[in-house]
C-alpha atoms as a PDB file:
ATOM      1  CA  UNK A   1     -37.313  23.264  50.754  1.00  0.00           C
ATOM      2  CA  UNK A   2     -38.162  20.224  48.687  1.00  0.00           C
ATOM      3  CA  UNK A   3     -38.660  16.650  49.801  1.00  0.00           C
ATOM      4  CA  UNK A   4     -37.637  13.679  47.702  1.00  0.00           C
ATOM      5  CA  UNK A   5     -38.914  10.155  48.233  1.00  0.00           C
ATOM      6  CA  UNK A   6     -36.955   7.640  46.160  1.00  0.00           C
ATOM      7  CA  UNK A   7     -38.278   4.092  46.056  1.00  0.00           C
ATOM      8  CA  UNK A   8     -35.567   1.692  44.935  1.00  0.00           C
ATOM      9  CA  UNK A   9     -36.349  -1.921  44.142  1.00  0.00           C
ATOM     10  CA  UNK A  10     -33.271  -4.117  44.274  1.00  0.00           C
ATOM     11  CA  UNK A  11     -32.659  -7.569  42.853  1.00  0.00           C
ATOM     12  CA  UNK A  12     -33.967 -10.443  44.921  1.00  0.00           C
ATOM     13  CA  UNK A  13     -31.864 -10.977  48.026  1.00  0.00           C
ATOM     14  CA  UNK A  14     -29.440  -8.114  47.341  1.00  0.00           C
ATOM     15  CA  UNK A  15     -30.806  -5.453  49.692  1.00  0.00           C
ATOM     16  CA  UNK A  16     -28.031  -5.814  52.277  1.00  0.00           C
ATOM     17  CA  UNK A  17     -25.369  -5.610  49.569  1.00  0.00           C
ATOM     18  CA  UNK A  18     -27.069  -2.532  48.101  1.00  0.00           C
ATOM     19  CA  UNK A  19     -27.334  -0.856  51.522  1.00  0.00           C
ATOM     20  CA  UNK A  20     -23.645  -1.517  52.244  1.00  0.00           C
ATOM     21  CA  UNK A  21     -22.722   0.403  49.080  1.00  0.00           C
ATOM     22  CA  UNK A  22     -25.386   3.073  49.627  1.00  0.00           C
ATOM     23  CA  UNK A  23     -24.332   3.777  53.198  1.00  0.00           C
ATOM     24  CA  UNK A  24     -20.829   4.642  51.973  1.00  0.00           C
ATOM     25  CA  UNK A  25     -22.198   7.733  50.201  1.00  0.00           C
ATOM     26  CA  UNK A  26     -24.584   8.922  52.926  1.00  0.00           C
ATOM     27  CA  UNK A  27     -21.965  11.038  54.789  1.00  0.00           C
ATOM     28  CA  UNK A  28     -20.788  12.537  51.502  1.00  0.00           C
ATOM     29  CA  UNK A  29     -24.335  13.464  50.475  1.00  0.00           C
ATOM     30  CA  UNK A  30     -25.157  14.880  53.902  1.00  0.00           C
ATOM     31  CA  UNK A  31     -22.109  17.142  53.522  1.00  0.00           C
ATOM     32  CA  UNK A  32     -23.310  18.530  50.172  1.00  0.00           C
ATOM     33  CA  UNK A  33     -24.369  22.156  49.983  1.00  0.00           C
ATOM     34  CA  UNK A  34     -28.145  22.342  50.284  1.00  0.00           C
ATOM     35  CA  UNK A  35     -28.655  18.897  51.792  1.00  0.00           C
ATOM     36  CA  UNK A  36     -30.920  19.040  54.825  1.00  0.00           C
ATOM     37  CA  UNK A  37     -31.514  15.299  55.266  1.00  0.00           C
ATOM     38  CA  UNK A  38     -30.572  12.143  53.344  1.00  0.00           C
ATOM     39  CA  UNK A  39     -30.887   8.533  54.375  1.00  0.00           C
ATOM     40  CA  UNK A  40     -32.305   5.103  53.582  1.00  0.00           C
ATOM     41  CA  UNK A  41     -35.265   3.403  55.253  1.00  0.00           C
ATOM     42  CA  UNK A  42     -36.735  -0.094  55.051  1.00  0.00           C
ATOM     43  CA  UNK A  43     -40.121  -1.547  55.954  1.00  0.00           C
ATOM     44  CA  UNK A  44     -41.121  -2.242  59.511  1.00  0.00           C
ATOM     45  CA  UNK A  45     -43.711  -5.021  59.769  1.00  0.00           C
ATOM     46  CA  UNK A  46     -46.729  -3.863  61.752  1.00  0.00           C
ATOM     47  CA  UNK A  47     -50.341  -4.812  62.288  1.00  0.00           C
ATOM     48  CA  UNK A  48     -51.525  -1.413  61.005  1.00  0.00           C
ATOM     49  CA  UNK A  49     -54.249  -2.261  58.495  1.00  0.00           C
ATOM     50  CA  UNK A  50     -53.576   0.588  56.051  1.00  0.00           C
ATOM     51  CA  UNK A  51     -49.851  -0.123  55.765  1.00  0.00           C
ATOM     52  CA  UNK A  52     -48.838  -1.295  52.317  1.00  0.00           C
ATOM     53  CA  UNK A  53     -45.570  -3.166  52.801  1.00  0.00           C
ATOM     54  CA  UNK A  54     -42.904  -2.407  50.218  1.00  0.00           C
ATOM     55  CA  UNK A  55     -41.193  -5.786  50.613  1.00  0.00           C
ATOM     56  CA  UNK A  56     -37.798  -7.161  51.512  1.00  0.00           C
ATOM     57  CA  UNK A  57     -36.150  -5.925  48.336  1.00  0.00           C
ATOM     58  CA  UNK A  58     -37.110  -2.250  48.540  1.00  0.00           C
ATOM     59  CA  UNK A  59     -35.162   0.666  49.993  1.00  0.00           C
ATOM     60  CA  UNK A  60     -36.865   4.019  50.418  1.00  0.00           C
ATOM     61  CA  UNK A  61     -34.602   7.055  50.494  1.00  0.00           C
ATOM     62  CA  UNK A  62     -35.915  10.140  52.273  1.00  0.00           C
ATOM     63  CA  UNK A  63     -34.244  13.361  51.221  1.00  0.00           C
ATOM     64  CA  UNK A  64     -34.693  17.037  51.997  1.00  0.00           C
ATOM     65  CA  UNK A  65     -32.983  19.717  49.903  1.00  0.00           C
ATOM     66  CA  UNK A  66     -32.949  23.487  50.024  1.00  0.00           C
ATOM     67  CA  UNK A  67     -34.064  23.714  46.374  1.00  0.00           C
ATOM     68  CA  UNK A  68     -34.446  21.865  43.081  1.00  0.00           C
ATOM     69  CA  UNK A  69     -31.102  23.403  42.128  1.00  0.00           C
ATOM     70  CA  UNK A  70     -29.294  21.759  45.038  1.00  0.00           C
ATOM     71  CA  UNK A  71     -30.993  18.449  44.149  1.00  0.00           C
ATOM     72  CA  UNK A  72     -29.751  18.786  40.562  1.00  0.00           C
ATOM     73  CA  UNK A  73     -26.220  19.503  41.808  1.00  0.00           C
ATOM     74  CA  UNK A  74     -26.444  16.381  44.003  1.00  0.00           C
ATOM     75  CA  UNK A  75     -27.317  14.216  41.010  1.00  0.00           C
ATOM     76  CA  UNK A  76     -24.088  15.194  39.263  1.00  0.00           C
ATOM     77  CA  UNK A  77     -21.822  15.206  42.336  1.00  0.00           C
ATOM     78  CA  UNK A  78     -18.626  13.168  41.767  1.00  0.00           C
ATOM     79  CA  UNK A  79     -19.467  10.626  44.496  1.00  0.00           C
ATOM     80  CA  UNK A  80     -22.894  10.025  42.911  1.00  0.00           C
ATOM     81  CA  UNK A  81     -21.365   9.541  39.457  1.00  0.00           C
ATOM     82  CA  UNK A  82     -18.918   7.037  40.986  1.00  0.00           C
ATOM     83  CA  UNK A  83     -21.633   5.286  43.024  1.00  0.00           C
ATOM     84  CA  UNK A  84     -24.139   4.556  40.225  1.00  0.00           C
ATOM     85  CA  UNK A  85     -22.071   1.937  38.335  1.00  0.00           C
ATOM     86  CA  UNK A  86     -21.409   0.109  41.621  1.00  0.00           C
ATOM     87  CA  UNK A  87     -25.137  -0.518  42.202  1.00  0.00           C
ATOM     88  CA  UNK A  88     -26.383  -0.620  38.610  1.00  0.00           C
ATOM     89  CA  UNK A  89     -26.673  -4.420  38.513  1.00  0.00           C
ATOM     90  CA  UNK A  90     -28.442  -4.474  41.890  1.00  0.00           C
ATOM     91  CA  UNK A  91     -31.202  -1.991  41.016  1.00  0.00           C
ATOM     92  CA  UNK A  92     -34.293  -3.384  39.296  1.00  0.00           C
ATOM     93  CA  UNK A  93     -36.415  -0.214  39.348  1.00  0.00           C
ATOM     94  CA  UNK A  94     -36.407   3.262  40.854  1.00  0.00           C
ATOM     95  CA  UNK A  95     -39.080   5.907  41.137  1.00  0.00           C
ATOM     96  CA  UNK A  96     -38.724   9.334  42.704  1.00  0.00           C
ATOM     97  CA  UNK A  97     -41.281  11.778  43.989  1.00  0.00           C
ATOM     98  CA  UNK A  98     -40.199  15.415  44.300  1.00  0.00           C
ATOM     99  CA  UNK A  99     -42.495  17.228  46.715  1.00  0.00           C
ATOM    100  CA  UNK A 100     -42.884  20.483  48.563  1.00  0.00           C
ATOM    101  CA  UNK A 101     -44.390  21.040  52.000  1.00  0.00           C
ATOM    102  CA  UNK A 102     -48.120  21.734  51.827  1.00  0.00           C
ATOM    103  CA  UNK A 103     -48.513  24.555  54.290  1.00  0.00           C
ATOM    104  CA  UNK A 104     -51.500  26.840  54.354  1.00  0.00           C
END
């Protein structure tokens, strides 16, 4: 299993619009072969001193995939190819972290 954390910065004030488009693909992605978990998350304000808020214009996507191969297939899935142009003008920056569980 691999874990993907995607941090997506959207244009100022466009997070709700981005999430509306993003949430349309969530069921399609969750139905993909090899998808274990896929969904967006946003900051929760707390008084926890070590929290580093991402801000109002950031969406973090938490993903779990069976393998790097299933992640690669996801990236070229027809619904993802169709989705990207719809959000292109909303996305300012995106970074992904591809991880594996650290079990001893």
